[in-house]
PDB file of all heavy atoms in Angstrom:
ATOM      1  N   TYR A   1     -10.446  -6.303  10.504  1.00  0.00           N
ATOM      2  CA  TYR A   1     -11.678  -6.953  10.062  1.00  0.00           C
ATOM      3  C   TYR A   1     -11.532  -7.394   8.609  1.00  0.00           C
ATOM      4  O   TYR A   1     -10.746  -6.822   7.849  1.00  0.00           O
ATOM      5  CB  TYR A   1     -12.874  -5.994  10.157  1.00  0.00           C
ATOM      6  CG  TYR A   1     -13.163  -5.504  11.551  1.00  0.00           C
ATOM      7  CD1 TYR A   1     -12.678  -4.281  11.985  1.00  0.00           C
ATOM      8  CD2 TYR A   1     -13.935  -6.258  12.429  1.00  0.00           C
ATOM      9  CE1 TYR A   1     -12.943  -3.824  13.269  1.00  0.00           C
ATOM     10  CE2 TYR A   1     -14.213  -5.804  13.709  1.00  0.00           C
ATOM     11  CZ  TYR A   1     -13.707  -4.579  14.124  1.00  0.00           C
ATOM     12  OH  TYR A   1     -13.968  -4.132  15.385  1.00  0.00           O
ATOM     13  N   GLN A   2     -12.324  -8.397   8.227  1.00  0.00           N
ATOM     14  CA  GLN A   2     -12.370  -8.849   6.839  1.00  0.00           C
ATOM     15  C   GLN A   2     -13.820  -9.000   6.410  1.00  0.00           C
ATOM     16  O   GLN A   2     -14.685  -9.369   7.213  1.00  0.00           O
ATOM     17  CB  GLN A   2     -11.621 -10.175   6.676  1.00  0.00           C
ATOM     18  CG  GLN A   2     -10.119 -10.029   6.893  1.00  0.00           C
ATOM     19  CD  GLN A   2      -9.393 -11.356   6.832  1.00  0.00           C
ATOM     20  OE1 GLN A   2      -9.970 -12.411   7.079  1.00  0.00           O
ATOM     21  NE2 GLN A   2      -8.109 -11.317   6.502  1.00  0.00           N
ATOM     22  N   TYR A   3     -14.062  -8.679   5.136  1.00  0.00           N
ATOM     23  CA  TYR A   3     -15.414  -8.773   4.580  1.00  0.00           C
ATOM     24  C   TYR A   3     -15.488 -10.017   3.718  1.00  0.00           C
ATOM     25  O   TYR A   3     -14.772 -10.145   2.720  1.00  0.00           O
ATOM     26  CB  TYR A   3     -15.732  -7.523   3.756  1.00  0.00           C
ATOM     27  CG  TYR A   3     -17.194  -7.415   3.362  1.00  0.00           C
ATOM     28  CD1 TYR A   3     -18.134  -6.954   4.275  1.00  0.00           C
ATOM     29  CD2 TYR A   3     -17.616  -7.781   2.091  1.00  0.00           C
ATOM     30  CE1 TYR A   3     -19.479  -6.851   3.930  1.00  0.00           C
ATOM     31  CE2 TYR A   3     -18.952  -7.682   1.724  1.00  0.00           C
ATOM     32  CZ  TYR A   3     -19.880  -7.220   2.654  1.00  0.00           C
ATOM     33  OH  TYR A   3     -21.204  -7.125   2.320  1.00  0.00           O
ATOM     34  N   VAL A   4     -16.332 -10.957   4.125  1.00  0.00           N
ATOM     35  CA  VAL A   4     -16.469 -12.235   3.429  1.00  0.00           C
ATOM     36  C   VAL A   4     -17.635 -12.126   2.448  1.00  0.00           C
ATOM     37  O   VAL A   4     -18.781 -11.873   2.848  1.00  0.00           O
ATOM     38  CB  VAL A   4     -16.709 -13.385   4.428  1.00  0.00           C
ATOM     39  CG1 VAL A   4     -16.853 -14.711   3.679  1.00  0.00           C
ATOM     40  CG2 VAL A   4     -15.570 -13.461   5.433  1.00  0.00           C
ATOM     41  N   ILE A   5     -17.328 -12.295   1.154  1.00  0.00           N
ATOM     42  CA  ILE A   5     -18.352 -12.171   0.111  1.00  0.00           C
ATOM     43  C   ILE A   5     -19.128 -13.487   0.003  1.00  0.00           C
ATOM     44  O   ILE A   5     -18.540 -14.572  -0.123  1.00  0.00           O
ATOM     45  CB  ILE A   5     -17.702 -11.826  -1.238  1.00  0.00           C
ATOM     46  CG1 ILE A   5     -16.999 -10.466  -1.140  1.00  0.00           C
ATOM     47  CG2 ILE A   5     -18.743 -11.798  -2.361  1.00  0.00           C
ATOM     48  CD1 ILE A   5     -16.172 -10.123  -2.358  1.00  0.00           C
ATOM     49  N   THR A   6     -20.449 -13.373   0.062  1.00  0.00           N
ATOM     50  CA  THR A   6     -21.300 -14.571  -0.014  1.00  0.00           C
ATOM     51  C   THR A   6     -22.149 -14.601  -1.275  1.00  0.00           C
ATOM     52  O   THR A   6     -22.710 -15.636  -1.627  1.00  0.00           O
ATOM     53  CB  THR A   6     -22.228 -14.644   1.217  1.00  0.00           C
ATOM     54  OG1 THR A   6     -22.989 -13.421   1.300  1.00  0.00           O
ATOM     55  CG2 THR A   6     -21.405 -14.815   2.487  1.00  0.00           C
ATOM     56  N   ASN A   7     -22.274 -13.468  -1.984  1.00  0.00           N
ATOM     57  CA  ASN A   7     -23.127 -13.416  -3.174  1.00  0.00           C
ATOM     58  C   ASN A   7     -22.571 -12.370  -4.132  1.00  0.00           C
ATOM     59  O   ASN A   7     -22.304 -11.233  -3.732  1.00  0.00           O
ATOM     60  CB  ASN A   7     -24.569 -13.071  -2.772  1.00  0.00           C
ATOM     61  CG  ASN A   7     -25.545 -13.236  -3.935  1.00  0.00           C
ATOM     62  OD1 ASN A   7     -25.132 -13.324  -5.086  1.00  0.00           O
ATOM     63  ND2 ASN A   7     -26.825 -13.276  -3.607  1.00  0.00           N
ATOM     64  N   ARG A   8     -22.410 -12.730  -5.396  1.00  0.00           N
ATOM     65  CA  ARG A   8     -21.890 -11.809  -6.400  1.00  0.00           C
ATOM     66  C   ARG A   8     -22.893 -11.561  -7.535  1.00  0.00           C
ATOM     67  O   ARG A   8     -22.496 -11.160  -8.622  1.00  0.00           O
ATOM     68  CB  ARG A   8     -20.599 -12.381  -7.017  1.00  0.00           C
ATOM     69  CG  ARG A   8     -19.377 -12.276  -6.136  1.00  0.00           C
ATOM     70  CD  ARG A   8     -18.191 -12.876  -6.828  1.00  0.00           C
ATOM     71  NE  ARG A   8     -16.957 -12.632  -6.098  1.00  0.00           N
ATOM     72  CZ  ARG A   8     -16.186 -11.573  -6.278  1.00  0.00           C
ATOM     73  NH1 ARG A   8     -16.518 -10.650  -7.156  1.00  0.00           N
ATOM     74  NH2 ARG A   8     -15.086 -11.418  -5.570  1.00  0.00           N
ATOM     75  N   ASN A   9     -24.173 -11.768  -7.302  1.00  0.00           N
ATOM     76  CA  ASN A   9     -25.145 -11.666  -8.398  1.00  0.00           C
ATOM     77  C   ASN A   9     -25.221 -10.248  -8.960  1.00  0.00           C
ATOM     78  O   ASN A   9     -24.541  -9.905  -9.905  1.00  0.00           O
ATOM     79  CB  ASN A   9     -26.524 -12.140  -7.936  1.00  0.00           C
ATOM     80  CG  ASN A   9     -26.544 -13.660  -7.781  1.00  0.00           C
ATOM     81  OD1 ASN A   9     -25.735 -14.346  -8.392  1.00  0.00           O
ATOM     82  ND2 ASN A   9     -27.461 -14.163  -6.962  1.00  0.00           N
ATOM     83  N   HIS A  10     -26.045  -9.416  -8.384  1.00  0.00           N
ATOM     84  CA  HIS A  10     -26.203  -8.057  -8.888  1.00  0.00           C
ATOM     85  C   HIS A  10     -25.336  -7.076  -8.119  1.00  0.00           C
ATOM     86  O   HIS A  10     -24.961  -6.034  -8.636  1.00  0.00           O
ATOM     87  CB  HIS A  10     -27.682  -7.627  -8.812  1.00  0.00           C
ATOM     88  CG  HIS A  10     -28.573  -8.514  -9.629  1.00  0.00           C
ATOM     89  ND1 HIS A  10     -28.539  -8.522 -11.011  1.00  0.00           N
ATOM     90  CD2 HIS A  10     -29.498  -9.434  -9.262  1.00  0.00           C
ATOM     91  CE1 HIS A  10     -29.423  -9.402 -11.462  1.00  0.00           C
ATOM     92  NE2 HIS A  10     -30.024  -9.971 -10.419  1.00  0.00           N
ATOM     93  N   SER A  11     -25.052  -7.387  -6.908  1.00  0.00           N
ATOM     94  CA  SER A  11     -24.173  -6.548  -6.087  1.00  0.00           C
ATOM     95  C   SER A  11     -23.433  -7.462  -5.119  1.00  0.00           C
ATOM     96  O   SER A  11     -23.865  -8.586  -4.861  1.00  0.00           O
ATOM     97  CB  SER A  11     -24.980  -5.494  -5.313  1.00  0.00           C
ATOM     98  OG  SER A  11     -25.880  -6.133  -4.433  1.00  0.00           O
ATOM     99  N   LEU A  12     -22.344  -6.961  -4.626  1.00  0.00           N
ATOM    100  CA  LEU A  12     -21.561  -7.763  -3.690  1.00  0.00           C
ATOM    101  C   LEU A  12     -22.287  -7.831  -2.352  1.00  0.00           C
ATOM    102  O   LEU A  12     -22.610  -6.801  -1.761  1.00  0.00           O
ATOM    103  CB  LEU A  12     -20.168  -7.157  -3.502  1.00  0.00           C
ATOM    104  CG  LEU A  12     -19.226  -7.251  -4.702  1.00  0.00           C
ATOM    105  CD1 LEU A  12     -17.897  -6.581  -4.388  1.00  0.00           C
ATOM    106  CD2 LEU A  12     -18.991  -8.708  -5.092  1.00  0.00           C
ATOM    107  N   GLU A  13     -22.554  -9.023  -1.897  1.00  0.00           N
ATOM    108  CA  GLU A  13     -23.177  -9.216  -0.597  1.00  0.00           C
ATOM    109  C   GLU A  13     -22.249 -10.052   0.267  1.00  0.00           C
ATOM    110  O   GLU A  13     -21.532 -10.930  -0.222  1.00  0.00           O
ATOM    111  CB  GLU A  13     -24.530  -9.919  -0.732  1.00  0.00           C
ATOM    112  CG  GLU A  13     -25.556  -9.125  -1.525  1.00  0.00           C
ATOM    113  CD  GLU A  13     -26.853  -9.881  -1.711  1.00  0.00           C
ATOM    114  OE1 GLU A  13     -26.977 -10.975  -1.095  1.00  0.00           O
ATOM    115  OE2 GLU A  13     -27.724  -9.403  -2.453  1.00  0.00           O
ATOM    116  N   GLY A  14     -22.274  -9.786   1.560  1.00  0.00           N
ATOM    117  CA  GLY A  14     -21.422 -10.534   2.464  1.00  0.00           C
ATOM    118  C   GLY A  14     -21.569 -10.035   3.888  1.00  0.00           C
ATOM    119  O   GLY A  14     -22.570  -9.394   4.241  1.00  0.00           O
ATOM    120  N   HIS A  15     -20.573 -10.321   4.697  1.00  0.00           N
ATOM    121  CA  HIS A  15     -20.641  -9.894   6.093  1.00  0.00           C
ATOM    122  C   HIS A  15     -19.234  -9.679   6.625  1.00  0.00           C
ATOM    123  O   HIS A  15     -18.260 -10.268   6.145  1.00  0.00           O
ATOM    124  CB  HIS A  15     -21.373 -10.943   6.940  1.00  0.00           C
ATOM    125  CG  HIS A  15     -20.718 -12.299   6.921  1.00  0.00           C
ATOM    126  ND1 HIS A  15     -21.024 -13.247   5.978  1.00  0.00           N
ATOM    127  CD2 HIS A  15     -19.748 -12.856   7.707  1.00  0.00           C
ATOM    128  CE1 HIS A  15     -20.297 -14.331   6.185  1.00  0.00           C
ATOM    129  NE2 HIS A  15     -19.497 -14.120   7.232  1.00  0.00           N
ATOM    130  N   TRP A  16     -19.142  -8.826   7.657  1.00  0.00           N
ATOM    131  CA  TRP A  16     -17.865  -8.563   8.319  1.00  0.00           C
ATOM    132  C   TRP A  16     -17.557  -9.664   9.324  1.00  0.00           C
ATOM    133  O   TRP A  16     -18.459 -10.201   9.970  1.00  0.00           O
ATOM    134  CB  TRP A  16     -17.910  -7.229   9.068  1.00  0.00           C
ATOM    135  CG  TRP A  16     -17.856  -6.001   8.214  1.00  0.00           C
ATOM    136  CD1 TRP A  16     -18.864  -5.113   8.017  1.00  0.00           C
ATOM    137  CD2 TRP A  16     -16.724  -5.512   7.491  1.00  0.00           C
ATOM    138  NE1 TRP A  16     -18.444  -4.100   7.194  1.00  0.00           N
ATOM    139  CE2 TRP A  16     -17.136  -4.314   6.855  1.00  0.00           C
ATOM    140  CE3 TRP A  16     -15.419  -5.968   7.303  1.00  0.00           C
ATOM    141  CZ2 TRP A  16     -16.277  -3.557   6.061  1.00  0.00           C
ATOM    142  CZ3 TRP A  16     -14.560  -5.224   6.508  1.00  0.00           C
ATOM    143  CH2 TRP A  16     -14.991  -4.042   5.901  1.00  0.00           C
ATOM    144  N   GLU A  17     -16.293  -9.969   9.465  1.00  0.00           N
ATOM    145  CA  GLU A  17     -15.817 -10.867  10.519  1.00  0.00           C
ATOM    146  C   GLU A  17     -14.582 -10.252  11.165  1.00  0.00           C
ATOM    147  O   GLU A  17     -13.833  -9.518  10.512  1.00  0.00           O
ATOM    148  CB  GLU A  17     -15.437 -12.243   9.948  1.00  0.00           C
ATOM    149  CG  GLU A  17     -16.619 -13.057   9.460  1.00  0.00           C
ATOM    150  CD  GLU A  17     -16.188 -14.448   8.990  1.00  0.00           C
ATOM    151  OE1 GLU A  17     -14.958 -14.726   9.014  1.00  0.00           O
ATOM    152  OE2 GLU A  17     -17.070 -15.243   8.612  1.00  0.00           O
ATOM    153  N   VAL A  18     -14.394 -10.556  12.443  1.00  0.00           N
ATOM    154  CA  VAL A  18     -13.129 -10.219  13.079  1.00  0.00           C
ATOM    155  C   VAL A  18     -12.071 -11.129  12.481  1.00  0.00           C
ATOM    156  O   VAL A  18     -12.283 -12.332  12.342  1.00  0.00           O
ATOM    157  CB  VAL A  18     -13.216 -10.401  14.609  1.00  0.00           C
ATOM    158  CG1 VAL A  18     -11.868 -10.172  15.262  1.00  0.00           C
ATOM    159  CG2 VAL A  18     -14.252  -9.450  15.189  1.00  0.00           C
ATOM    160  N   ALA A  19     -10.934 -10.560  12.116  1.00  0.00           N
ATOM    161  CA  ALA A  19      -9.930 -11.329  11.381  1.00  0.00           C
ATOM    162  C   ALA A  19      -9.307 -12.433  12.224  1.00  0.00           C
ATOM    163  O   ALA A  19      -8.812 -13.416  11.688  1.00  0.00           O
ATOM    164  CB  ALA A  19      -8.846 -10.385  10.854  1.00  0.00           C
ATOM    165  N   TYR A  20      -9.337 -12.289  13.549  1.00  0.00           N
ATOM    166  CA  TYR A  20      -8.657 -13.251  14.412  1.00  0.00           C
ATOM    167  C   TYR A  20      -9.683 -13.965  15.264  1.00  0.00           C
ATOM    168  O   TYR A  20     -10.331 -13.367  16.117  1.00  0.00           O
ATOM    169  CB  TYR A  20      -7.615 -12.540  15.281  1.00  0.00           C
ATOM    170  CG  TYR A  20      -6.663 -11.748  14.420  1.00  0.00           C
ATOM    171  CD1 TYR A  20      -6.840 -10.391  14.255  1.00  0.00           C
ATOM    172  CD2 TYR A  20      -5.630 -12.380  13.733  1.00  0.00           C
ATOM    173  CE1 TYR A  20      -6.002  -9.665  13.424  1.00  0.00           C
ATOM    174  CE2 TYR A  20      -4.791 -11.666  12.905  1.00  0.00           C
ATOM    175  CZ  TYR A  20      -4.978 -10.312  12.750  1.00  0.00           C
ATOM    176  OH  TYR A  20      -4.164  -9.597  11.919  1.00  0.00           O
ATOM    177  N   LYS A  21      -9.862 -15.246  14.987  1.00  0.00           N
ATOM    178  CA  LYS A  21     -10.859 -16.035  15.702  1.00  0.00           C
ATOM    179  C   LYS A  21     -10.531 -16.074  17.192  1.00  0.00           C
ATOM    180  O   LYS A  21      -9.373 -16.053  17.594  1.00  0.00           O
ATOM    181  CB  LYS A  21     -10.907 -17.459  15.162  1.00  0.00           C
ATOM    182  CG  LYS A  21     -11.098 -17.532  13.658  1.00  0.00           C
ATOM    183  CD  LYS A  21     -12.341 -16.783  13.185  1.00  0.00           C
ATOM    184  CE  LYS A  21     -12.489 -16.875  11.675  1.00  0.00           C
ATOM    185  NZ  LYS A  21     -13.549 -16.001  11.169  1.00  0.00           N
ATOM    186  N   GLY A  22     -11.559 -16.136  17.997  1.00  0.00           N
ATOM    187  CA  GLY A  22     -11.355 -16.175  19.434  1.00  0.00           C
ATOM    188  C   GLY A  22     -11.264 -14.798  20.056  1.00  0.00           C
ATOM    189  O   GLY A  22     -11.151 -14.654  21.265  1.00  0.00           O
ATOM    190  N   SER A  23     -11.337 -13.752  19.235  1.00  0.00           N
ATOM    191  CA  SER A  23     -11.286 -12.398  19.768  1.00  0.00           C
ATOM    192  C   SER A  23     -12.588 -12.084  20.493  1.00  0.00           C
ATOM    193  O   SER A  23     -13.663 -12.556  20.131  1.00  0.00           O
ATOM    194  CB  SER A  23     -11.070 -11.407  18.624  1.00  0.00           C
ATOM    195  OG  SER A  23     -11.144 -10.090  19.090  1.00  0.00           O
ATOM    196  N   SER A  24     -12.497 -11.251  21.520  1.00  0.00           N
ATOM    197  CA  SER A  24     -13.683 -10.932  22.327  1.00  0.00           C
ATOM    198  C   SER A  24     -14.414  -9.694  21.811  1.00  0.00           C
ATOM    199  O   SER A  24     -15.367  -9.241  22.419  1.00  0.00           O
ATOM    200  CB  SER A  24     -13.261 -10.700  23.785  1.00  0.00           C
ATOM    201  OG  SER A  24     -12.362  -9.600  23.869  1.00  0.00           O
ATOM    202  N   GLU A  25     -13.963  -9.119  20.693  1.00  0.00           N
ATOM    203  CA  GLU A  25     -14.580  -7.893  20.197  1.00  0.00           C
ATOM    204  C   GLU A  25     -16.059  -8.119  19.859  1.00  0.00           C
ATOM    205  O   GLU A  25     -16.431  -9.166  19.318  1.00  0.00           O
ATOM    206  CB  GLU A  25     -13.841  -7.375  18.959  1.00  0.00           C
ATOM    207  CG  GLU A  25     -12.613  -6.529  19.260  1.00  0.00           C
ATOM    208  CD  GLU A  25     -11.445  -7.346  19.781  1.00  0.00           C
ATOM    209  OE1 GLU A  25     -11.505  -8.592  19.712  1.00  0.00           O
ATOM    210  OE2 GLU A  25     -10.479  -6.741  20.275  1.00  0.00           O
ATOM    211  N   VAL A  26     -16.874  -7.115  20.153  1.00  0.00           N
ATOM    212  CA  VAL A  26     -18.301  -7.223  19.881  1.00  0.00           C
ATOM    213  C   VAL A  26     -18.742  -6.230  18.827  1.00  0.00           C
ATOM    214  O   VAL A  26     -19.847  -6.315  18.315  1.00  0.00           O
ATOM    215  CB  VAL A  26     -19.128  -7.008  21.170  1.00  0.00           C
ATOM    216  CG1 VAL A  26     -18.846  -8.108  22.173  1.00  0.00           C
ATOM    217  CG2 VAL A  26     -18.838  -5.644  21.776  1.00  0.00           C
ATOM    218  N   PHE A  27     -17.882  -5.281  18.489  1.00  0.00           N
ATOM    219  CA  PHE A  27     -18.239  -4.253  17.512  1.00  0.00           C
ATOM    220  C   PHE A  27     -17.912  -4.753  16.112  1.00  0.00           C
ATOM    221  O   PHE A  27     -16.801  -5.200  15.843  1.00  0.00           O
ATOM    222  CB  PHE A  27     -17.432  -2.978  17.799  1.00  0.00           C
ATOM    223  CG  PHE A  27     -17.633  -1.887  16.769  1.00  0.00           C
ATOM    224  CD1 PHE A  27     -18.583  -0.902  16.967  1.00  0.00           C
ATOM    225  CD2 PHE A  27     -16.865  -1.849  15.625  1.00  0.00           C
ATOM    226  CE1 PHE A  27     -18.760   0.105  16.031  1.00  0.00           C
ATOM    227  CE2 PHE A  27     -17.035  -0.860  14.686  1.00  0.00           C
ATOM    228  CZ  PHE A  27     -17.987   0.125  14.880  1.00  0.00           C
ATOM    229  N   LEU A  28     -18.876  -4.705  15.205  1.00  0.00           N
ATOM    230  CA  LEU A  28     -18.628  -5.002  13.800  1.00  0.00           C
ATOM    231  C   LEU A  28     -19.039  -3.805  12.965  1.00  0.00           C
ATOM    232  O   LEU A  28     -20.024  -3.118  13.286  1.00  0.00           O
ATOM    233  CB  LEU A  28     -19.417  -6.239  13.359  1.00  0.00           C
ATOM    234  CG  LEU A  28     -18.919  -7.589  13.892  1.00  0.00           C
ATOM    235  CD1 LEU A  28     -19.860  -8.709  13.459  1.00  0.00           C
ATOM    236  CD2 LEU A  28     -17.500  -7.879  13.422  1.00  0.00           C
TER     237      LEU A  28
END
């Protein structure tokens, strides 16, 4: 998994993604 940072203001904000696109995994 990789954590994509979307906001660096007061704290790091972002979301998890499966590292390999097209994967069928549903757990994040």
